[in-house]
Amino acid sequence: MDIDLAGKTIGRVRKTQKAKRLLDQAVIWGALILSLLLIAIASTNLLVNKSNQGLSGRIKTKEKEIESMSKIESQQVYLTGKLASFGILVKTHEVHQAVADTVFNLIPSGTSLKGFEVDETGLINLSGTVPGWQLLSRLFDNLKEPTGPLTVSGFKVKQINFSGGGDINFDLELNLKT
């Protein structure tokens, strides 16, 4: 009977060497795959960075455009506000002119005005002097049928006084329709 101890040992050594070779190949292939994966990730990172730089450049360009237009926009807002204020001023001037024209159309020639006041509610206090009843009567007729741009919605005689020289002093309160 022959005992072959070397054959068993050689078989085990071969199996171990084969396992080591397989393990070495697995490590090499794993390292190769990991290297390729790292290269792919690095390439993707470079592409994303390049894309981000391009986008950052476009964003900066747009920001500069917006900043350059902000001065124009602020001027436009300023001018629009001034134009609106001017429009209100023109309308107010037109109303004031219409009130003045109406009041002066009501007053007959020869009347002397002593006071002309308009309060915030639009109530007009008018005081003056006429040389006689005839002009006072014409003033009242004009109040009933005005010929100015605005109409008289109501009036109130607050006071009538006779002066020593035959003149008549009056104090009226008028409401005009706009």
N, C-alpha and C. Protein backbone atom coordinates (compact mmCIF):
# COMPACT_ATOMS: atom_id res chain seq x y z
N MET A 1 0.79 -1.15 0.00
CA MET A 1 0.00 0.00 0.00
C MET A 1 0.86 1.24 0.00
N ASP A 2 0.55 1.91 -0.91
CA ASP A 2 1.28 3.16 -1.07
C ASP A 2 0.46 4.31 -0.51
N ILE A 3 1.12 5.08 0.23
CA ILE A 3 0.44 6.28 0.75
C ILE A 3 1.04 7.45 0.00
N ASP A 4 0.15 8.13 -0.60
CA ASP A 4 0.59 9.31 -1.37
C ASP A 4 0.17 10.56 -0.62
N LEU A 5 1.04 11.01 0.22
CA LEU A 5 0.75 12.22 0.99
C LEU A 5 0.98 13.45 0.14
N ALA A 6 1.88 13.40 -0.74
CA ALA A 6 2.19 14.57 -1.55
C ALA A 6 1.05 14.88 -2.50
N GLY A 7 0.32 13.94 -2.96
CA GLY A 7 -0.80 14.18 -3.90
C GLY A 7 -1.92 14.97 -3.27
N LYS A 8 -2.20 14.64 -2.02
CA LYS A 8 -3.26 15.38 -1.34
C LYS A 8 -2.80 16.81 -1.10
N THR A 9 -1.58 16.95 -0.71
CA THR A 9 -1.07 18.28 -0.44
C THR A 9 -1.00 19.08 -1.73
N ILE A 10 -0.56 18.46 -2.78
CA ILE A 10 -0.48 19.16 -4.06
C ILE A 10 -1.87 19.56 -4.51
N GLY A 11 -2.84 18.71 -4.33
CA GLY A 11 -4.24 19.04 -4.71
C GLY A 11 -4.75 20.23 -3.92
N ARG A 12 -4.41 20.23 -2.62
CA ARG A 12 -4.85 21.37 -1.79
C ARG A 12 -4.15 22.65 -2.21
N VAL A 13 -2.87 22.54 -2.50
CA VAL A 13 -2.11 23.72 -2.91
C VAL A 13 -2.66 24.24 -4.23
N ARG A 14 -2.98 23.36 -5.16
CA ARG A 14 -3.55 23.79 -6.44
C ARG A 14 -4.88 24.50 -6.23
N LYS A 15 -5.69 23.93 -5.37
CA LYS A 15 -7.00 24.56 -5.10
C LYS A 15 -6.80 25.94 -4.48
N THR A 16 -5.86 26.03 -3.56
CA THR A 16 -5.59 27.30 -2.90
C THR A 16 -5.04 28.30 -3.91
N GLN A 17 -4.12 27.85 -4.78
CA GLN A 17 -3.57 28.75 -5.78
C GLN A 17 -4.66 29.19 -6.77
N LYS A 18 -5.53 28.27 -7.12
CA LYS A 18 -6.63 28.60 -8.03
C LYS A 18 -7.55 29.62 -7.37
N ALA A 19 -7.84 29.43 -6.09
CA ALA A 19 -8.70 30.37 -5.36
C ALA A 19 -8.02 31.73 -5.27
N LYS A 20 -6.67 31.72 -5.06
CA LYS A 20 -5.94 32.99 -4.99
C LYS A 20 -5.98 33.70 -6.34
N ARG A 21 -5.79 32.92 -7.42
CA ARG A 21 -5.85 33.52 -8.75
C ARG A 21 -7.22 34.11 -9.03
N LEU A 22 -8.26 33.38 -8.66
CA LEU A 22 -9.63 33.89 -8.85
C LEU A 22 -9.85 35.15 -8.01
N LEU A 23 -9.33 35.12 -6.79
CA LEU A 23 -9.46 36.28 -5.92
C LEU A 23 -8.66 37.46 -6.48
N ASP A 24 -7.44 37.17 -6.98
CA ASP A 24 -6.64 38.24 -7.58
C ASP A 24 -7.34 38.82 -8.81
N GLN A 25 -7.90 37.95 -9.63
CA GLN A 25 -8.62 38.43 -10.82
C GLN A 25 -9.85 39.25 -10.41
N ALA A 26 -10.54 38.81 -9.36
CA ALA A 26 -11.73 39.55 -8.89
C ALA A 26 -11.31 40.92 -8.38
N VAL A 27 -10.16 40.96 -7.66
CA VAL A 27 -9.67 42.24 -7.14
C VAL A 27 -9.29 43.14 -8.31
N ILE A 28 -8.60 42.58 -9.31
CA ILE A 28 -8.19 43.38 -10.48
C ILE A 28 -9.42 43.89 -11.22
N TRP A 29 -10.38 43.01 -11.48
CA TRP A 29 -11.61 43.43 -12.18
C TRP A 29 -12.40 44.44 -11.33
N GLY A 30 -12.45 44.23 -10.05
CA GLY A 30 -13.14 45.18 -9.17
C GLY A 30 -12.48 46.55 -9.19
N ALA A 31 -11.13 46.52 -9.13
CA ALA A 31 -10.39 47.79 -9.17
C ALA A 31 -10.60 48.47 -10.52
N LEU A 32 -10.60 47.69 -11.59
CA LEU A 32 -10.82 48.24 -12.93
C LEU A 32 -12.22 48.85 -13.04
N ILE A 33 -13.21 48.16 -12.55
CA ILE A 33 -14.60 48.67 -12.60
C ILE A 33 -14.73 49.92 -11.74
N LEU A 34 -14.13 49.89 -10.53
CA LEU A 34 -14.17 51.07 -9.67
C LEU A 34 -13.45 52.25 -10.32
N SER A 35 -12.33 51.97 -10.99
CA SER A 35 -11.59 53.04 -11.68
C SER A 35 -12.45 53.65 -12.79
N LEU A 36 -13.09 52.78 -13.57
CA LEU A 36 -13.98 53.28 -14.63
C LEU A 36 -15.14 54.08 -14.06
N LEU A 37 -15.67 53.61 -12.95
CA LEU A 37 -16.77 54.32 -12.29
C LEU A 37 -16.30 55.69 -11.80
N LEU A 38 -15.12 55.74 -11.20
CA LEU A 38 -14.57 57.02 -10.74
C LEU A 38 -14.31 57.97 -11.91
N ILE A 39 -13.81 57.43 -13.02
CA ILE A 39 -13.58 58.26 -14.21
C ILE A 39 -14.91 58.80 -14.74
N ALA A 40 -15.94 57.97 -14.75
CA ALA A 40 -17.26 58.41 -15.21
C ALA A 40 -17.82 59.50 -14.29
N ILE A 41 -17.67 59.32 -12.99
CA ILE A 41 -18.16 60.32 -12.03
C ILE A 41 -17.39 61.63 -12.20
N ALA A 42 -16.07 61.53 -12.35
CA ALA A 42 -15.26 62.74 -12.52
C ALA A 42 -15.63 63.45 -13.82
N SER A 43 -15.85 62.70 -14.88
CA SER A 43 -16.25 63.30 -16.16
C SER A 43 -17.60 64.00 -16.04
N THR A 44 -18.53 63.33 -15.38
CA THR A 44 -19.85 63.94 -15.16
C THR A 44 -19.71 65.21 -14.34
N ASN A 45 -18.87 65.17 -13.32
CA ASN A 45 -18.64 66.35 -12.48
C ASN A 45 -18.07 67.50 -13.31
N LEU A 46 -17.11 67.19 -14.18
CA LEU A 46 -16.54 68.23 -15.04
C LEU A 46 -17.60 68.83 -15.97
N LEU A 47 -18.42 67.97 -16.54
CA LEU A 47 -19.48 68.46 -17.44
C LEU A 47 -20.48 69.34 -16.69
N VAL A 48 -20.85 68.93 -15.48
CA VAL A 48 -21.79 69.72 -14.68
C VAL A 48 -21.17 71.06 -14.29
N ASN A 49 -19.89 71.05 -13.91
CA ASN A 49 -19.21 72.30 -13.57
C ASN A 49 -19.14 73.24 -14.76
N LYS A 50 -18.82 72.68 -15.93
CA LYS A 50 -18.76 73.52 -17.14
C LYS A 50 -20.14 74.10 -17.45
N SER A 51 -21.16 73.29 -17.31
CA SER A 51 -22.54 73.76 -17.53
C SER A 51 -22.90 74.86 -16.53
N ASN A 52 -22.52 74.66 -15.26
CA ASN A 52 -22.78 75.67 -14.22
C ASN A 52 -22.07 76.98 -14.52
N GLN A 53 -20.83 76.90 -15.02
CA GLN A 53 -20.10 78.11 -15.36
C GLN A 53 -20.80 78.86 -16.49
N GLY A 54 -21.27 78.12 -17.48
CA GLY A 54 -22.01 78.75 -18.58
C GLY A 54 -23.28 79.42 -18.08
N LEU A 55 -24.00 78.72 -17.21
CA LEU A 55 -25.23 79.29 -16.65
C LEU A 55 -24.92 80.51 -15.78
N SER A 56 -23.84 80.44 -15.01
CA SER A 56 -23.46 81.59 -14.17
C SER A 56 -23.14 82.80 -15.04
N GLY A 57 -22.45 82.57 -16.14
CA GLY A 57 -22.15 83.67 -17.07
C GLY A 57 -23.42 84.29 -17.63
N ARG A 58 -24.37 83.45 -18.03
CA ARG A 58 -25.64 83.98 -18.56
C ARG A 58 -26.42 84.71 -17.48
N ILE A 59 -26.38 84.20 -16.25
CA ILE A 59 -27.08 84.87 -15.15
C ILE A 59 -26.47 86.24 -14.90
N LYS A 60 -25.14 86.33 -14.90
CA LYS A 60 -24.48 87.62 -14.69
C LYS A 60 -24.83 88.60 -15.80
N THR A 61 -24.91 88.10 -17.03
CA THR A 61 -25.29 88.96 -18.16
C THR A 61 -26.70 89.49 -17.96
N LYS A 62 -27.62 88.63 -17.57
CA LYS A 62 -29.01 89.06 -17.34
C LYS A 62 -29.09 90.04 -16.18
N GLU A 63 -28.30 89.80 -15.11
CA GLU A 63 -28.29 90.72 -13.97
C GLU A 63 -27.82 92.10 -14.41
N LYS A 64 -26.79 92.15 -15.26
CA LYS A 64 -26.31 93.44 -15.76
C LYS A 64 -27.39 94.13 -16.59
N GLU A 65 -28.10 93.35 -17.42
CA GLU A 65 -29.19 93.93 -18.22
C GLU A 65 -30.27 94.50 -17.30
N ILE A 66 -30.62 93.75 -16.28
CA ILE A 66 -31.66 94.20 -15.34
C ILE A 66 -31.19 95.45 -14.61
N GLU A 67 -29.94 95.46 -14.16
CA GLU A 67 -29.42 96.64 -13.46
C GLU A 67 -29.40 97.86 -14.37
N SER A 68 -29.05 97.66 -15.64
CA SER A 68 -29.02 98.80 -16.55
C SER A 68 -30.43 99.32 -16.82
N MET A 69 -31.41 98.44 -16.76
CA MET A 69 -32.79 98.87 -17.00
C MET A 69 -33.46 99.37 -15.73
N SER A 70 -32.87 99.12 -14.57
CA SER A 70 -33.49 99.58 -13.33
C SER A 70 -33.50 101.10 -13.26
N LYS A 71 -32.47 101.76 -13.78
CA LYS A 71 -32.47 103.22 -13.82
C LYS A 71 -33.60 103.73 -14.70
N ILE A 72 -33.77 103.09 -15.84
CA ILE A 72 -34.85 103.49 -16.75
C ILE A 72 -36.19 103.26 -16.10
N GLU A 73 -36.33 102.12 -15.42
CA GLU A 73 -37.60 101.82 -14.75
C GLU A 73 -37.90 102.82 -13.65
N SER A 74 -36.88 103.17 -12.87
CA SER A 74 -37.13 104.14 -11.79
C SER A 74 -37.49 105.50 -12.37
N GLN A 75 -36.87 105.88 -13.48
CA GLN A 75 -37.24 107.14 -14.13
C GLN A 75 -38.66 107.06 -14.66
N GLN A 76 -39.03 105.91 -15.21
CA GLN A 76 -40.38 105.74 -15.73
C GLN A 76 -41.41 105.82 -14.61
N VAL A 77 -41.13 105.19 -13.49
CA VAL A 77 -42.04 105.25 -12.34
C VAL A 77 -42.16 106.69 -11.84
N TYR A 78 -41.02 107.38 -11.76
CA TYR A 78 -41.01 108.78 -11.32
C TYR A 78 -41.83 109.65 -12.27
N LEU A 79 -41.60 109.48 -13.58
CA LEU A 79 -42.33 110.30 -14.56
C LEU A 79 -43.82 109.95 -14.59
N THR A 80 -44.15 108.69 -14.40
CA THR A 80 -45.56 108.29 -14.36
C THR A 80 -46.25 108.94 -13.17
N GLY A 81 -45.58 108.96 -12.02
CA GLY A 81 -46.13 109.62 -10.83
C GLY A 81 -46.30 111.11 -11.06
N LYS A 82 -45.30 111.73 -11.67
CA LYS A 82 -45.39 113.17 -11.95
C LYS A 82 -46.51 113.45 -12.95
N LEU A 83 -46.66 112.58 -13.94
CA LEU A 83 -47.72 112.77 -14.93
C LEU A 83 -49.09 112.65 -14.28
N ALA A 84 -49.25 111.69 -13.38
CA ALA A 84 -50.53 111.54 -12.67
C ALA A 84 -50.80 112.77 -11.81
N SER A 85 -49.76 113.26 -11.13
CA SER A 85 -49.93 114.47 -10.31
C SER A 85 -50.28 115.66 -11.19
N PHE A 86 -49.64 115.75 -12.34
CA PHE A 86 -49.92 116.86 -13.25
C PHE A 86 -51.35 116.77 -13.77
N GLY A 87 -51.82 115.55 -14.05
CA GLY A 87 -53.21 115.38 -14.50
C GLY A 87 -54.20 115.85 -13.44
N ILE A 88 -53.93 115.50 -12.19
CA ILE A 88 -54.79 115.94 -11.08
C ILE A 88 -54.74 117.46 -10.96
N LEU A 89 -53.54 118.02 -11.11
CA LEU A 89 -53.37 119.47 -11.03
C LEU A 89 -54.16 120.17 -12.14
N VAL A 90 -54.11 119.61 -13.34
CA VAL A 90 -54.86 120.21 -14.46
C VAL A 90 -56.36 120.14 -14.20
N LYS A 91 -56.84 119.00 -13.71
CA LYS A 91 -58.27 118.88 -13.41
C LYS A 91 -58.68 119.86 -12.32
N THR A 92 -57.85 119.97 -11.28
CA THR A 92 -58.14 120.91 -10.20
C THR A 92 -58.15 122.34 -10.72
N HIS A 93 -57.20 122.65 -11.59
CA HIS A 93 -57.15 123.99 -12.17
C HIS A 93 -58.40 124.26 -13.01
N GLU A 94 -58.84 123.25 -13.76
CA GLU A 94 -60.04 123.42 -14.58
C GLU A 94 -61.26 123.69 -13.70
N VAL A 95 -61.37 122.96 -12.59
CA VAL A 95 -62.50 123.16 -11.68
C VAL A 95 -62.43 124.55 -11.06
N HIS A 96 -61.24 124.96 -10.62
CA HIS A 96 -61.09 126.30 -10.02
C HIS A 96 -61.41 127.39 -11.04
N GLN A 97 -60.98 127.18 -12.28
CA GLN A 97 -61.25 128.16 -13.32
C GLN A 97 -62.75 128.23 -13.60
N ALA A 98 -63.42 127.07 -13.62
CA ALA A 98 -64.87 127.05 -13.86
C ALA A 98 -65.61 127.75 -12.72
N VAL A 99 -65.17 127.55 -11.48
CA VAL A 99 -65.80 128.22 -10.33
C VAL A 99 -65.63 129.73 -10.46
N ALA A 100 -64.40 130.16 -10.76
CA ALA A 100 -64.14 131.60 -10.88
C ALA A 100 -64.95 132.20 -12.02
N ASP A 101 -64.98 131.53 -13.17
CA ASP A 101 -65.76 132.04 -14.31
C ASP A 101 -67.23 132.14 -13.97
N THR A 102 -67.77 131.12 -13.30
CA THR A 102 -69.19 131.14 -12.94
C THR A 102 -69.49 132.28 -11.98
N VAL A 103 -68.67 132.44 -10.95
CA VAL A 103 -68.91 133.50 -9.97
C VAL A 103 -68.83 134.87 -10.63
N PHE A 104 -67.82 135.08 -11.47
CA PHE A 104 -67.68 136.39 -12.09
C PHE A 104 -68.74 136.65 -13.16
N ASN A 105 -69.33 135.60 -13.73
CA ASN A 105 -70.47 135.78 -14.64
C ASN A 105 -71.73 136.15 -13.87
N LEU A 106 -71.82 135.72 -12.61
CA LEU A 106 -72.99 136.03 -11.78
C LEU A 106 -73.03 137.50 -11.37
N ILE A 107 -71.87 138.09 -11.19
CA ILE A 107 -71.79 139.45 -10.64
C ILE A 107 -72.02 140.47 -11.75
N PRO A 108 -73.05 141.32 -11.60
CA PRO A 108 -73.30 142.34 -12.63
C PRO A 108 -72.23 143.43 -12.60
N SER A 109 -72.06 144.08 -13.73
CA SER A 109 -71.09 145.17 -13.85
C SER A 109 -71.45 146.29 -12.87
N GLY A 110 -70.47 146.82 -12.20
CA GLY A 110 -70.70 147.87 -11.21
C GLY A 110 -70.70 147.35 -9.79
N THR A 111 -70.61 146.03 -9.62
CA THR A 111 -70.57 145.42 -8.29
C THR A 111 -69.13 145.43 -7.80
N SER A 112 -68.95 145.76 -6.55
CA SER A 112 -67.62 145.76 -5.94
C SER A 112 -67.54 144.58 -4.97
N LEU A 113 -66.59 143.66 -5.24
CA LEU A 113 -66.41 142.49 -4.36
C LEU A 113 -65.53 142.85 -3.18
N LYS A 114 -65.96 142.42 -2.00
CA LYS A 114 -65.17 142.63 -0.79
C LYS A 114 -64.56 141.31 -0.30
N GLY A 115 -65.21 140.20 -0.61
CA GLY A 115 -64.72 138.91 -0.16
C GLY A 115 -65.19 137.79 -1.08
N PHE A 116 -64.32 136.85 -1.32
CA PHE A 116 -64.62 135.68 -2.15
C PHE A 116 -63.84 134.53 -1.55
N GLU A 117 -64.56 133.57 -0.93
CA GLU A 117 -63.90 132.49 -0.21
C GLU A 117 -64.58 131.18 -0.54
N VAL A 118 -63.79 130.15 -0.80
CA VAL A 118 -64.31 128.81 -1.07
C VAL A 118 -63.73 127.89 -0.01
N ASP A 119 -64.61 127.16 0.72
CA ASP A 119 -64.09 126.24 1.74
C ASP A 119 -63.89 124.84 1.15
N GLU A 120 -63.44 123.88 1.97
CA GLU A 120 -63.12 122.54 1.49
C GLU A 120 -64.32 121.80 0.93
N THR A 121 -65.52 122.14 1.39
CA THR A 121 -66.73 121.45 0.93
C THR A 121 -67.25 122.03 -0.37
N GLY A 122 -66.66 123.12 -0.86
CA GLY A 122 -67.12 123.74 -2.10
C GLY A 122 -68.11 124.87 -1.87
N LEU A 123 -68.39 125.20 -0.62
CA LEU A 123 -69.30 126.29 -0.28
C LEU A 123 -68.59 127.62 -0.52
N ILE A 124 -69.24 128.52 -1.26
CA ILE A 124 -68.63 129.80 -1.62
C ILE A 124 -69.28 130.90 -0.81
N ASN A 125 -68.46 131.67 -0.10
CA ASN A 125 -68.93 132.86 0.61
C ASN A 125 -68.53 134.06 -0.23
N LEU A 126 -69.52 134.84 -0.60
CA LEU A 126 -69.31 135.98 -1.49
C LEU A 126 -69.87 137.22 -0.82
N SER A 127 -69.06 138.25 -0.68
CA SER A 127 -69.54 139.49 -0.09
C SER A 127 -69.09 140.66 -0.96
N GLY A 128 -69.94 141.69 -1.02
CA GLY A 128 -69.61 142.84 -1.85
C GLY A 128 -70.61 143.96 -1.66
N THR A 129 -70.53 144.94 -2.57
CA THR A 129 -71.37 146.13 -2.52
C THR A 129 -71.89 146.43 -3.91
N VAL A 130 -73.19 146.78 -3.99
CA VAL A 130 -73.78 147.26 -5.25
C VAL A 130 -74.31 148.67 -5.02
N PRO A 131 -74.31 149.51 -6.09
CA PRO A 131 -74.74 150.90 -5.90
C PRO A 131 -76.25 151.08 -5.74
N GLY A 132 -77.04 150.06 -6.03
CA GLY A 132 -78.48 150.24 -5.88
C GLY A 132 -79.24 148.94 -5.99
N TRP A 133 -80.59 149.06 -5.81
CA TRP A 133 -81.46 147.89 -5.83
C TRP A 133 -81.45 147.20 -7.19
N GLN A 134 -81.33 147.98 -8.23
CA GLN A 134 -81.40 147.42 -9.58
C GLN A 134 -80.29 146.39 -9.80
N LEU A 135 -79.07 146.71 -9.40
CA LEU A 135 -77.96 145.75 -9.55
C LEU A 135 -78.10 144.57 -8.60
N LEU A 136 -78.63 144.80 -7.40
CA LEU A 136 -78.86 143.69 -6.48
C LEU A 136 -79.90 142.73 -7.05
N SER A 137 -80.95 143.30 -7.67
CA SER A 137 -81.98 142.48 -8.30
C SER A 137 -81.39 141.68 -9.46
N ARG A 138 -80.52 142.31 -10.26
CA ARG A 138 -79.88 141.60 -11.37
C ARG A 138 -78.98 140.48 -10.83
N LEU A 139 -78.29 140.71 -9.72
CA LEU A 139 -77.46 139.68 -9.09
C LEU A 139 -78.32 138.48 -8.69
N PHE A 140 -79.47 138.73 -8.08
CA PHE A 140 -80.36 137.62 -7.69
C PHE A 140 -80.91 136.90 -8.91
N ASP A 141 -81.24 137.64 -9.98
CA ASP A 141 -81.69 136.99 -11.23
C ASP A 141 -80.59 136.10 -11.79
N ASN A 142 -79.36 136.59 -11.76
CA ASN A 142 -78.24 135.78 -12.27
C ASN A 142 -78.04 134.52 -11.42
N LEU A 143 -78.29 134.62 -10.12
CA LEU A 143 -78.16 133.45 -9.25
C LEU A 143 -79.23 132.41 -9.58
N LYS A 144 -80.42 132.87 -9.98
CA LYS A 144 -81.50 131.94 -10.31
C LYS A 144 -81.27 131.30 -11.68
N GLU A 145 -80.69 132.04 -12.61
CA GLU A 145 -80.43 131.52 -13.96
C GLU A 145 -79.00 131.87 -14.37
N PRO A 146 -78.01 131.13 -13.88
CA PRO A 146 -76.62 131.45 -14.18
C PRO A 146 -76.26 131.15 -15.63
N THR A 147 -75.30 131.88 -16.16
CA THR A 147 -74.86 131.68 -17.54
C THR A 147 -73.43 131.16 -17.61
N GLY A 148 -72.82 130.84 -16.49
CA GLY A 148 -71.43 130.37 -16.45
C GLY A 148 -71.32 128.89 -16.75
N PRO A 149 -70.12 128.36 -16.69
CA PRO A 149 -69.89 126.94 -16.97
C PRO A 149 -70.51 126.00 -15.92
N LEU A 150 -70.72 126.49 -14.71
CA LEU A 150 -71.33 125.68 -13.65
C LEU A 150 -72.69 126.27 -13.29
N THR A 151 -73.56 125.46 -12.72
CA THR A 151 -74.87 125.95 -12.31
C THR A 151 -74.91 126.11 -10.79
N VAL A 152 -75.77 127.00 -10.35
CA VAL A 152 -75.93 127.25 -8.92
C VAL A 152 -76.97 126.26 -8.40
N SER A 153 -76.56 125.40 -7.49
CA SER A 153 -77.50 124.43 -6.93
C SER A 153 -78.28 125.01 -5.76
N GLY A 154 -77.77 126.08 -5.20
CA GLY A 154 -78.49 126.74 -4.11
C GLY A 154 -77.71 127.95 -3.63
N PHE A 155 -78.43 128.93 -3.11
CA PHE A 155 -77.75 130.08 -2.52
C PHE A 155 -78.56 130.56 -1.34
N LYS A 156 -77.87 131.26 -0.46
CA LYS A 156 -78.49 131.74 0.77
C LYS A 156 -78.00 133.18 1.00
N VAL A 157 -78.96 134.08 1.24
CA VAL A 157 -78.60 135.46 1.56
C VAL A 157 -78.34 135.50 3.06
N LYS A 158 -77.09 135.71 3.42
CA LYS A 158 -76.72 135.73 4.83
C LYS A 158 -76.97 137.12 5.45
N GLN A 159 -76.76 138.16 4.62
CA GLN A 159 -76.90 139.50 5.20
C GLN A 159 -77.01 140.53 4.07
N ILE A 160 -77.89 141.56 4.29
CA ILE A 160 -77.98 142.72 3.41
C ILE A 160 -78.01 143.95 4.31
N ASN A 161 -77.12 144.91 4.04
CA ASN A 161 -77.03 146.15 4.82
C ASN A 161 -77.04 147.35 3.87
N PHE A 162 -77.59 148.42 4.36
CA PHE A 162 -77.57 149.68 3.60
C PHE A 162 -76.49 150.57 4.18
N SER A 163 -75.66 151.12 3.30
CA SER A 163 -74.63 152.04 3.79
C SER A 163 -75.13 153.47 3.65
N GLY A 164 -74.39 154.39 4.20
CA GLY A 164 -74.82 155.79 4.22
C GLY A 164 -74.89 156.40 2.83
N GLY A 165 -74.11 155.97 1.86
CA GLY A 165 -74.08 156.59 0.53
C GLY A 165 -75.09 155.99 -0.42
N GLY A 166 -76.02 155.18 0.02
CA GLY A 166 -77.00 154.55 -0.85
C GLY A 166 -76.55 153.20 -1.40
N ASP A 167 -75.35 152.79 -1.05
CA ASP A 167 -74.86 151.48 -1.49
C ASP A 167 -75.49 150.38 -0.63
N ILE A 168 -75.57 149.20 -1.22
CA ILE A 168 -76.13 148.05 -0.51
C ILE A 168 -75.01 147.01 -0.36
N ASN A 169 -74.72 146.63 0.87
CA ASN A 169 -73.73 145.59 1.16
C ASN A 169 -74.45 144.24 1.25
N PHE A 170 -73.85 143.22 0.66
CA PHE A 170 -74.47 141.88 0.69
C PHE A 170 -73.43 140.85 1.11
N ASP A 171 -73.96 139.76 1.65
CA ASP A 171 -73.14 138.62 2.03
C ASP A 171 -73.93 137.37 1.64
N LEU A 172 -73.42 136.60 0.68
CA LEU A 172 -74.13 135.44 0.12
C LEU A 172 -73.33 134.15 0.36
N GLU A 173 -74.07 133.07 0.35
CA GLU A 173 -73.47 131.73 0.42
C GLU A 173 -73.97 130.96 -0.79
N LEU A 174 -73.06 130.42 -1.62
CA LEU A 174 -73.43 129.74 -2.87
C LEU A 174 -72.97 128.29 -2.86
N ASN A 175 -73.78 127.45 -3.50
CA ASN A 175 -73.39 126.07 -3.79
C ASN A 175 -73.44 125.91 -5.30
N LEU A 176 -72.36 125.40 -5.89
CA LEU A 176 -72.31 125.20 -7.33
C LEU A 176 -72.29 123.71 -7.65
N LYS A 177 -72.92 123.37 -8.77
CA LYS A 177 -72.87 121.99 -9.27
C LYS A 177 -71.71 121.89 -10.25
N THR A 178 -70.87 120.88 -10.05
CA THR A 178 -69.76 120.69 -11.00
C THR A 178 -70.11 119.66 -12.03
